[in-house]
């Protein structure tokens, strides 16, 4: 292999590692965000908790008939989506499209008087910092 080819191979390997690290960080942080949203969600029947959706580049629409009082099914379903994240996707969306989602976010439930999204958004940097630290170690 020529010096130029070896140099290009090392550059390509570096780029591939960097992309893989970016994907790992985004996936880990996204999973933390989803888990936080789901676990903070107020529970009556479990329908609200079961309606968190994850999508890339565009916010998911629609609602689910899913009832998930513990949140474990919702997190598992979202995890399958999050694992598909690739560098080049421009955004990760977490949505809950139930008609009463806004009221719950604005404190309608005593179980989550401060909402879920606003609190999780304030913690966003912490989730990414923790994920990046995991990749470094």
N, C-alpha and C. Protein backbone atom coordinates (compact mmCIF):
# COMPACT_ATOMS: atom_id res chain seq x y z
N UNK A 1 0.85 -1.17 0.00
CA UNK A 1 0.00 0.00 0.00
C UNK A 1 0.90 1.24 0.00
N UNK A 2 0.62 2.17 -0.86
CA UNK A 2 1.42 3.39 -0.93
C UNK A 2 1.17 4.25 0.30
N UNK A 3 2.09 5.21 0.52
CA UNK A 3 1.93 6.10 1.67
C UNK A 3 0.63 6.87 1.57
N UNK A 4 0.28 7.32 0.37
CA UNK A 4 -0.94 8.08 0.16
C UNK A 4 -2.17 7.22 0.48
N UNK A 5 -2.16 5.98 0.02
CA UNK A 5 -3.29 5.08 0.26
C UNK A 5 -3.41 4.77 1.76
N UNK A 6 -2.27 4.58 2.43
CA UNK A 6 -2.29 4.31 3.86
C UNK A 6 -2.82 5.52 4.63
N UNK A 7 -2.39 6.71 4.21
CA UNK A 7 -2.86 7.94 4.85
C UNK A 7 -4.38 8.08 4.67
N UNK A 8 -4.86 7.85 3.45
CA UNK A 8 -6.30 7.95 3.18
C UNK A 8 -7.08 6.90 3.98
N UNK A 9 -6.52 5.72 4.12
CA UNK A 9 -7.18 4.66 4.89
C UNK A 9 -7.30 5.07 6.36
N UNK A 10 -6.24 5.70 6.89
CA UNK A 10 -6.30 6.13 8.29
C UNK A 10 -7.29 7.27 8.48
N UNK A 11 -7.37 8.18 7.52
CA UNK A 11 -8.36 9.27 7.57
C UNK A 11 -9.76 8.69 7.52
N UNK A 12 -10.00 7.76 6.61
CA UNK A 12 -11.32 7.14 6.48
C UNK A 12 -11.71 6.39 7.76
N UNK A 13 -10.75 5.71 8.38
CA UNK A 13 -11.03 5.00 9.63
C UNK A 13 -11.40 5.99 10.74
N UNK A 14 -10.69 7.13 10.78
CA UNK A 14 -10.99 8.16 11.77
C UNK A 14 -12.41 8.69 11.57
N UNK A 15 -12.77 8.99 10.33
CA UNK A 15 -14.11 9.50 10.02
C UNK A 15 -15.17 8.48 10.41
N UNK A 16 -14.94 7.23 10.10
CA UNK A 16 -15.90 6.18 10.46
C UNK A 16 -16.08 6.07 11.97
N UNK A 17 -14.98 6.16 12.73
CA UNK A 17 -15.07 6.12 14.19
C UNK A 17 -15.83 7.33 14.73
N UNK A 18 -15.55 8.50 14.15
CA UNK A 18 -16.23 9.72 14.59
C UNK A 18 -17.73 9.63 14.35
N UNK A 19 -18.12 9.12 13.18
CA UNK A 19 -19.55 8.96 12.89
C UNK A 19 -20.19 7.96 13.85
N UNK A 20 -19.51 6.87 14.09
CA UNK A 20 -20.04 5.85 15.01
C UNK A 20 -20.20 6.43 16.41
N UNK A 21 -19.22 7.23 16.84
CA UNK A 21 -19.30 7.86 18.16
C UNK A 21 -20.46 8.84 18.23
N UNK A 22 -20.66 9.64 17.17
CA UNK A 22 -21.78 10.57 17.14
C UNK A 22 -23.10 9.82 17.24
N UNK A 23 -23.23 8.76 16.49
CA UNK A 23 -24.46 7.98 16.51
C UNK A 23 -24.69 7.38 17.89
N UNK A 24 -23.64 6.88 18.51
CA UNK A 24 -23.76 6.28 19.85
C UNK A 24 -24.21 7.32 20.87
N UNK A 25 -23.64 8.52 20.80
CA UNK A 25 -24.01 9.58 21.74
C UNK A 25 -25.47 9.98 21.54
N UNK A 26 -25.87 10.21 20.30
CA UNK A 26 -27.25 10.62 20.04
C UNK A 26 -28.22 9.53 20.48
N UNK A 27 -27.90 8.29 20.18
CA UNK A 27 -28.79 7.18 20.59
C UNK A 27 -28.91 7.10 22.11
N UNK A 28 -27.78 7.17 22.81
CA UNK A 28 -27.81 7.05 24.27
C UNK A 28 -28.56 8.22 24.90
N UNK A 29 -28.29 9.43 24.43
CA UNK A 29 -28.99 10.60 24.97
C UNK A 29 -30.48 10.54 24.65
N UNK A 30 -30.81 10.12 23.44
CA UNK A 30 -32.22 10.02 23.05
C UNK A 30 -32.96 9.00 23.90
N UNK A 31 -32.32 7.91 24.19
CA UNK A 31 -32.96 6.90 25.04
C UNK A 31 -33.19 7.44 26.45
N UNK A 32 -32.24 8.20 26.96
CA UNK A 32 -32.41 8.82 28.28
C UNK A 32 -33.58 9.81 28.25
N UNK A 33 -33.65 10.60 27.19
CA UNK A 33 -34.73 11.58 27.06
C UNK A 33 -36.08 10.87 27.01
N UNK A 34 -36.19 9.86 26.17
CA UNK A 34 -37.45 9.12 26.07
C UNK A 34 -37.84 8.52 27.42
N UNK A 35 -36.90 7.88 28.09
CA UNK A 35 -37.19 7.26 29.38
C UNK A 35 -37.67 8.31 30.39
N UNK A 36 -37.04 9.46 30.38
CA UNK A 36 -37.43 10.54 31.31
C UNK A 36 -38.85 11.01 31.01
N UNK A 37 -39.15 11.24 29.73
CA UNK A 37 -40.50 11.68 29.35
C UNK A 37 -41.55 10.66 29.76
N UNK A 38 -41.27 9.41 29.47
CA UNK A 38 -42.24 8.34 29.78
C UNK A 38 -42.43 8.22 31.29
N UNK A 39 -41.34 8.17 32.03
CA UNK A 39 -41.45 7.98 33.48
C UNK A 39 -42.06 9.19 34.19
N UNK A 40 -41.90 10.37 33.64
CA UNK A 40 -42.51 11.56 34.24
C UNK A 40 -43.98 11.70 33.88
N UNK A 41 -44.43 10.97 32.89
CA UNK A 41 -45.81 11.09 32.42
C UNK A 41 -46.80 10.62 33.47
N UNK A 42 -47.84 11.43 33.71
CA UNK A 42 -48.86 11.00 34.66
C UNK A 42 -49.58 9.75 34.17
N UNK A 43 -50.01 8.93 35.12
CA UNK A 43 -50.65 7.66 34.77
C UNK A 43 -52.04 7.58 35.39
N UNK A 44 -53.01 7.35 34.53
CA UNK A 44 -54.36 6.99 34.97
C UNK A 44 -54.62 5.61 34.37
N UNK A 45 -54.97 5.60 33.09
CA UNK A 45 -55.18 4.32 32.39
C UNK A 45 -53.89 3.79 31.79
N UNK A 46 -52.90 4.67 31.59
CA UNK A 46 -51.65 4.28 30.93
C UNK A 46 -51.63 4.63 29.46
N UNK A 47 -52.73 5.20 28.95
CA UNK A 47 -52.78 5.55 27.53
C UNK A 47 -51.81 6.68 27.20
N UNK A 48 -51.76 7.70 28.04
CA UNK A 48 -50.84 8.81 27.77
C UNK A 48 -49.40 8.32 27.78
N UNK A 49 -49.04 7.56 28.77
CA UNK A 49 -47.68 7.04 28.87
C UNK A 49 -47.35 6.17 27.66
N UNK A 50 -48.32 5.46 27.14
CA UNK A 50 -48.11 4.57 26.00
C UNK A 50 -48.11 5.24 24.65
N UNK A 51 -48.32 6.57 24.62
CA UNK A 51 -48.42 7.27 23.34
C UNK A 51 -47.21 8.14 23.01
N UNK A 52 -46.11 7.94 23.69
CA UNK A 52 -44.90 8.66 23.29
C UNK A 52 -44.34 8.02 22.03
N UNK A 53 -44.10 8.84 21.03
CA UNK A 53 -43.58 8.38 19.73
C UNK A 53 -42.24 9.04 19.46
N UNK A 54 -41.38 8.34 18.77
CA UNK A 54 -40.06 8.86 18.39
C UNK A 54 -39.96 8.84 16.88
N UNK A 55 -39.40 9.91 16.30
CA UNK A 55 -39.19 9.95 14.86
C UNK A 55 -37.99 10.81 14.53
N UNK A 56 -37.54 10.70 13.31
CA UNK A 56 -36.39 11.47 12.84
C UNK A 56 -36.83 12.41 11.72
N UNK A 57 -36.28 13.62 11.74
CA UNK A 57 -36.46 14.64 10.70
C UNK A 57 -37.87 15.23 10.66
N UNK A 58 -38.90 14.47 10.99
CA UNK A 58 -40.28 14.97 11.05
C UNK A 58 -40.94 14.39 12.28
N UNK A 59 -41.78 15.20 12.90
CA UNK A 59 -42.49 14.72 14.09
C UNK A 59 -43.49 13.65 13.69
N UNK A 60 -43.52 12.53 14.42
CA UNK A 60 -44.52 11.50 14.13
C UNK A 60 -45.92 12.05 14.38
N UNK A 61 -46.87 11.58 13.60
CA UNK A 61 -48.25 12.01 13.83
C UNK A 61 -49.09 10.81 14.23
N UNK A 62 -50.33 11.07 14.57
CA UNK A 62 -51.24 10.01 14.96
C UNK A 62 -51.11 9.64 16.42
N UNK A 63 -51.99 8.75 16.84
CA UNK A 63 -51.99 8.25 18.21
C UNK A 63 -52.08 6.73 18.19
N UNK A 64 -51.82 6.14 19.32
CA UNK A 64 -51.86 4.68 19.46
C UNK A 64 -52.95 4.29 20.44
N UNK A 65 -53.44 3.09 20.31
CA UNK A 65 -54.40 2.55 21.28
C UNK A 65 -53.67 1.92 22.46
N UNK A 66 -52.37 1.98 22.45
CA UNK A 66 -51.53 1.34 23.46
C UNK A 66 -51.81 1.88 24.87
N UNK A 67 -51.93 0.97 25.81
CA UNK A 67 -52.03 1.30 27.23
C UNK A 67 -50.78 0.71 27.89
N UNK A 68 -50.00 1.55 28.55
CA UNK A 68 -48.72 1.10 29.12
C UNK A 68 -48.49 1.80 30.45
N UNK A 69 -49.06 1.28 31.51
CA UNK A 69 -48.95 1.93 32.82
C UNK A 69 -47.51 2.01 33.32
N UNK A 70 -46.69 1.02 33.03
CA UNK A 70 -45.31 1.04 33.52
C UNK A 70 -44.38 1.84 32.62
N UNK A 71 -44.72 1.96 31.35
CA UNK A 71 -43.87 2.66 30.39
C UNK A 71 -42.84 1.77 29.73
N UNK A 72 -42.70 0.54 30.17
CA UNK A 72 -41.65 -0.33 29.64
C UNK A 72 -41.86 -0.67 28.17
N UNK A 73 -43.10 -0.90 27.76
CA UNK A 73 -43.36 -1.20 26.34
C UNK A 73 -43.07 0.02 25.47
N UNK A 74 -43.43 1.19 25.97
CA UNK A 74 -43.21 2.43 25.22
C UNK A 74 -41.72 2.70 25.04
N UNK A 75 -40.96 2.50 26.10
CA UNK A 75 -39.51 2.70 26.01
C UNK A 75 -38.89 1.67 25.07
N UNK A 76 -39.34 0.44 25.14
CA UNK A 76 -38.81 -0.61 24.24
C UNK A 76 -39.15 -0.28 22.79
N UNK A 77 -40.37 0.16 22.53
CA UNK A 77 -40.77 0.51 21.16
C UNK A 77 -39.94 1.70 20.66
N UNK A 78 -39.79 2.71 21.50
CA UNK A 78 -38.99 3.88 21.12
C UNK A 78 -37.54 3.54 20.91
N UNK A 79 -37.03 2.63 21.71
CA UNK A 79 -35.63 2.20 21.58
C UNK A 79 -35.36 1.59 20.22
N UNK A 80 -36.32 0.82 19.71
CA UNK A 80 -36.15 0.23 18.37
C UNK A 80 -36.02 1.31 17.31
N UNK A 81 -36.76 2.40 17.48
CA UNK A 81 -36.66 3.52 16.54
C UNK A 81 -35.32 4.23 16.73
N UNK A 82 -34.98 4.54 17.96
CA UNK A 82 -33.75 5.27 18.27
C UNK A 82 -32.52 4.54 17.73
N UNK A 83 -32.51 3.23 17.78
CA UNK A 83 -31.38 2.45 17.28
C UNK A 83 -31.15 2.63 15.78
N UNK A 84 -32.13 3.16 15.07
CA UNK A 84 -32.01 3.39 13.63
C UNK A 84 -31.33 4.72 13.30
N UNK A 85 -31.05 5.54 14.32
CA UNK A 85 -30.44 6.85 14.07
C UNK A 85 -29.11 6.71 13.35
N UNK A 86 -28.91 7.54 12.34
CA UNK A 86 -27.66 7.60 11.58
C UNK A 86 -27.23 9.06 11.45
N UNK A 87 -25.93 9.28 11.39
CA UNK A 87 -25.41 10.62 11.11
C UNK A 87 -26.01 11.09 9.80
N UNK A 88 -26.47 12.32 9.77
CA UNK A 88 -27.12 12.87 8.58
C UNK A 88 -28.59 13.13 8.83
N UNK A 89 -29.16 12.41 9.79
CA UNK A 89 -30.53 12.71 10.20
C UNK A 89 -30.45 14.03 10.96
N UNK A 90 -31.37 14.92 10.69
CA UNK A 90 -31.23 16.28 11.21
C UNK A 90 -31.84 16.51 12.57
N UNK A 91 -32.78 15.67 12.99
CA UNK A 91 -33.43 15.90 14.27
C UNK A 91 -34.08 14.63 14.79
N UNK A 92 -34.26 14.60 16.10
CA UNK A 92 -34.99 13.51 16.76
C UNK A 92 -36.20 14.15 17.42
N UNK A 93 -37.37 13.62 17.14
CA UNK A 93 -38.61 14.14 17.71
C UNK A 93 -39.19 13.15 18.72
N UNK A 94 -39.67 13.69 19.83
CA UNK A 94 -40.41 12.93 20.83
C UNK A 94 -41.78 13.59 20.91
N UNK A 95 -42.82 12.87 20.55
CA UNK A 95 -44.15 13.48 20.53
C UNK A 95 -45.16 12.61 21.25
N UNK A 96 -46.17 13.27 21.77
CA UNK A 96 -47.35 12.61 22.31
C UNK A 96 -48.52 13.40 21.76
N UNK A 97 -49.25 12.80 20.85
CA UNK A 97 -50.28 13.50 20.10
C UNK A 97 -51.69 13.34 20.65
N UNK A 98 -51.82 12.81 21.85
CA UNK A 98 -53.16 12.69 22.42
C UNK A 98 -53.74 14.09 22.63
N UNK A 99 -55.04 14.25 22.48
CA UNK A 99 -55.65 15.58 22.57
C UNK A 99 -55.40 16.28 23.91
N UNK A 100 -55.19 15.53 24.96
CA UNK A 100 -55.00 16.14 26.28
C UNK A 100 -53.52 16.27 26.67
N UNK A 101 -52.62 16.00 25.75
CA UNK A 101 -51.19 16.07 26.05
C UNK A 101 -50.77 17.48 26.48
N UNK A 102 -51.27 18.50 25.79
CA UNK A 102 -50.89 19.88 26.13
C UNK A 102 -51.36 20.24 27.54
N UNK A 103 -52.58 19.84 27.87
CA UNK A 103 -53.10 20.13 29.21
C UNK A 103 -52.23 19.47 30.29
N UNK A 104 -51.83 18.23 30.05
CA UNK A 104 -50.96 17.55 31.01
C UNK A 104 -49.61 18.25 31.11
N UNK A 105 -49.07 18.68 29.98
CA UNK A 105 -47.79 19.39 29.98
C UNK A 105 -47.88 20.69 30.77
N UNK A 106 -49.04 21.31 30.72
CA UNK A 106 -49.21 22.59 31.40
C UNK A 106 -49.65 22.43 32.86
N UNK A 107 -49.55 21.22 33.40
CA UNK A 107 -49.77 21.02 34.82
C UNK A 107 -51.15 20.56 35.24
N UNK A 108 -51.95 20.09 34.30
CA UNK A 108 -53.32 19.65 34.62
C UNK A 108 -53.33 18.47 35.60
N UNK A 109 -52.30 17.68 35.62
CA UNK A 109 -52.22 16.52 36.52
C UNK A 109 -51.36 16.83 37.73
N UNK A 110 -51.83 16.46 38.89
CA UNK A 110 -51.02 16.64 40.10
C UNK A 110 -49.81 15.71 40.11
N UNK A 111 -49.83 14.67 39.28
CA UNK A 111 -48.69 13.76 39.21
C UNK A 111 -47.50 14.40 38.50
N UNK A 112 -47.77 15.37 37.63
CA UNK A 112 -46.70 16.05 36.89
C UNK A 112 -47.05 17.54 36.78
N UNK A 113 -47.07 18.25 37.92
CA UNK A 113 -47.50 19.65 37.87
C UNK A 113 -46.59 20.55 37.05
N UNK A 114 -45.35 20.16 36.88
CA UNK A 114 -44.41 20.95 36.08
C UNK A 114 -44.30 20.48 34.65
N UNK A 115 -45.16 19.53 34.28
CA UNK A 115 -45.09 18.97 32.94
C UNK A 115 -43.99 17.93 32.83
N UNK A 116 -43.74 17.53 31.61
CA UNK A 116 -42.70 16.54 31.34
C UNK A 116 -41.68 17.10 30.36
N UNK A 117 -42.19 17.67 29.28
CA UNK A 117 -41.32 18.14 28.19
C UNK A 117 -40.45 19.30 28.64
N UNK A 118 -41.05 20.26 29.33
CA UNK A 118 -40.28 21.43 29.76
C UNK A 118 -39.15 21.04 30.71
N UNK A 119 -39.43 20.14 31.62
CA UNK A 119 -38.40 19.70 32.57
C UNK A 119 -37.31 18.92 31.84
N UNK A 120 -37.73 18.02 30.96
CA UNK A 120 -36.76 17.21 30.22
C UNK A 120 -35.91 18.08 29.30
N UNK A 121 -36.53 19.08 28.68
CA UNK A 121 -35.77 19.99 27.81
C UNK A 121 -34.70 20.74 28.61
N UNK A 122 -35.02 21.10 29.84
CA UNK A 122 -34.04 21.79 30.68
C UNK A 122 -32.87 20.87 31.05
N UNK A 123 -33.10 19.56 31.02
CA UNK A 123 -32.07 18.59 31.37
C UNK A 123 -31.32 18.05 30.15
N UNK A 124 -31.67 18.53 28.98
CA UNK A 124 -31.15 18.05 27.70
C UNK A 124 -29.63 17.95 27.69
N UNK A 125 -28.95 19.01 28.08
CA UNK A 125 -27.49 19.04 28.02
C UNK A 125 -26.88 17.97 28.92
N UNK A 126 -27.48 17.76 30.07
CA UNK A 126 -26.98 16.74 31.00
C UNK A 126 -27.05 15.35 30.38
N UNK A 127 -28.13 15.08 29.64
CA UNK A 127 -28.27 13.77 28.98
C UNK A 127 -27.18 13.57 27.93
N UNK A 128 -26.91 14.62 27.15
CA UNK A 128 -25.87 14.50 26.12
C UNK A 128 -24.48 14.43 26.72
N UNK A 129 -24.24 15.19 27.77
CA UNK A 129 -22.93 15.13 28.43
C UNK A 129 -22.66 13.73 28.99
N UNK A 130 -23.66 13.13 29.61
CA UNK A 130 -23.49 11.78 30.17
C UNK A 130 -23.25 10.76 29.06
N UNK A 131 -23.97 10.89 27.95
CA UNK A 131 -23.79 9.96 26.83
C UNK A 131 -22.40 10.13 26.22
N UNK A 132 -21.94 11.36 26.07
CA UNK A 132 -20.61 11.61 25.51
C UNK A 132 -19.53 11.06 26.43
N UNK A 133 -19.72 11.20 27.72
CA UNK A 133 -18.75 10.67 28.69
C UNK A 133 -18.67 9.15 28.58
N UNK A 134 -19.79 8.49 28.39
CA UNK A 134 -19.79 7.03 28.22
C UNK A 134 -18.99 6.62 26.99
N UNK A 135 -19.11 7.37 25.91
CA UNK A 135 -18.38 7.04 24.68
C UNK A 135 -16.89 7.23 24.88
N UNK A 136 -16.51 8.24 25.65
CA UNK A 136 -15.09 8.51 25.88
C UNK A 136 -14.43 7.44 26.74
N UNK A 137 -15.20 6.78 27.59
CA UNK A 137 -14.60 5.79 28.51
C UNK A 137 -14.70 4.38 27.98
